[in-house]
Amino acid sequence: MADLKALFEQAVSESKQLPEKPDNMTLLKIYALYKQATAGDVEGKRPGFTDMVGRAKFDAWDGLKGTSADEAMQQYIDLIESLK
């Protein structure tokens, strides 16, 4: 478990130094996996239609509902590795 957490933290720092900025869908996936890994399932109301970015982030995170923190961390690590 500690190894996965360490790899996750390393991937988080590496995500800030990718050779090129990922497209918006990939950025949403990165965001959602990070939130699922660190905070668990999304809670609260979906943002209103005037908050397009907030809605997109909420929907991406909501799509991972039920994913364990360990699984989300592993998917995050794999995604960042594929972008390097």
Protein backbone atom coordinates (compact mmCIF):
# COMPACT_ATOMS: atom_id res chain seq x y z
CA MET A 1 0.00 0.00 0.00
CA ALA A 2 2.78 2.41 0.93
CA ASP A 3 4.46 1.66 -2.39
CA LEU A 4 1.31 2.49 -4.34
CA LYS A 5 0.92 5.75 -2.40
CA ALA A 6 4.54 6.68 -3.12
CA LEU A 7 4.14 5.88 -6.82
CA PHE A 8 0.93 7.92 -6.88
CA GLU A 9 2.64 10.93 -5.27
CA GLN A 10 5.47 10.63 -7.80
CA ALA A 11 2.96 10.49 -10.68
CA VAL A 12 1.21 13.59 -9.32
CA SER A 13 4.47 15.55 -9.40
CA GLU A 14 5.32 14.16 -12.85
CA SER A 15 1.90 15.20 -14.15
CA LYS A 16 2.98 18.83 -13.71
CA GLN A 17 6.04 18.28 -15.93
CA LEU A 18 4.61 16.44 -18.93
CA PRO A 19 6.33 17.20 -22.25
CA GLU A 20 3.10 18.62 -23.69
CA LYS A 21 -0.25 19.62 -22.27
CA PRO A 22 -2.82 16.81 -22.64
CA ASP A 23 -6.14 17.46 -24.38
CA ASN A 24 -9.16 18.47 -22.30
CA MET A 25 -10.66 14.97 -22.10
CA THR A 26 -7.38 13.59 -20.78
CA LEU A 27 -7.09 16.46 -18.29
CA LEU A 28 -10.59 15.65 -17.05
CA LYS A 29 -9.62 11.99 -16.63
CA ILE A 30 -6.49 13.01 -14.68
CA TYR A 31 -8.58 15.29 -12.47
CA ALA A 32 -11.28 12.67 -11.86
CA LEU A 33 -8.80 9.90 -11.02
CA TYR A 34 -6.93 12.22 -8.64
CA LYS A 35 -10.13 13.23 -6.85
CA GLN A 36 -11.37 9.64 -6.64
CA ALA A 37 -8.02 8.47 -5.26
CA THR A 38 -7.75 11.25 -2.67
CA ALA A 39 -11.37 12.07 -1.72
CA GLY A 40 -13.47 9.04 -2.72
CA ASP A 41 -16.85 9.24 -4.42
CA VAL A 42 -18.11 12.65 -5.50
CA GLU A 43 -20.60 14.31 -3.17
CA GLY A 44 -22.85 17.33 -3.40
CA LYS A 45 -24.92 18.77 -6.20
CA ARG A 46 -23.93 18.92 -9.83
CA PRO A 47 -22.99 22.51 -10.78
CA GLY A 48 -25.50 24.51 -12.79
CA PHE A 49 -25.39 24.80 -16.57
CA THR A 50 -23.65 28.19 -16.37
CA ASP A 51 -20.60 26.49 -14.81
CA MET A 52 -19.48 24.40 -17.79
CA VAL A 53 -16.05 23.55 -16.38
CA GLY A 54 -17.46 22.64 -12.98
CA ARG A 55 -20.07 20.40 -14.60
CA ALA A 56 -17.48 18.64 -16.75
CA LYS A 57 -15.26 18.02 -13.72
CA PHE A 58 -18.21 16.79 -11.65
CA ASP A 59 -19.40 14.45 -14.41
CA ALA A 60 -15.90 13.02 -14.96
CA TRP A 61 -15.47 12.39 -11.24
CA ASP A 62 -19.01 11.02 -10.90
CA GLY A 63 -18.21 8.53 -13.66
CA LEU A 64 -15.70 6.87 -11.32
CA LYS A 65 -18.17 6.38 -8.48
CA GLY A 66 -17.50 3.09 -6.70
CA THR A 67 -13.86 2.89 -7.82
CA SER A 68 -11.57 2.13 -4.88
CA ALA A 69 -8.84 4.60 -3.95
CA ASP A 70 -6.15 2.00 -4.77
CA GLU A 71 -7.67 1.30 -8.18
CA ALA A 72 -7.94 5.02 -8.95
CA MET A 73 -4.32 5.56 -7.91
CA GLN A 74 -3.16 2.75 -10.18
CA GLN A 75 -5.17 4.09 -13.13
CA TYR A 76 -3.75 7.58 -12.47
CA ILE A 77 -0.19 6.23 -12.42
CA ASP A 78 -0.77 4.27 -15.64
CA LEU A 79 -2.29 7.30 -17.38
CA ILE A 80 0.58 9.63 -16.44
CA GLU A 81 3.11 6.98 -17.56
CA SER A 82 1.37 6.76 -20.95
CA LEU A 83 1.61 10.55 -21.39
CA LYS A 84 5.36 10.80 -20.76
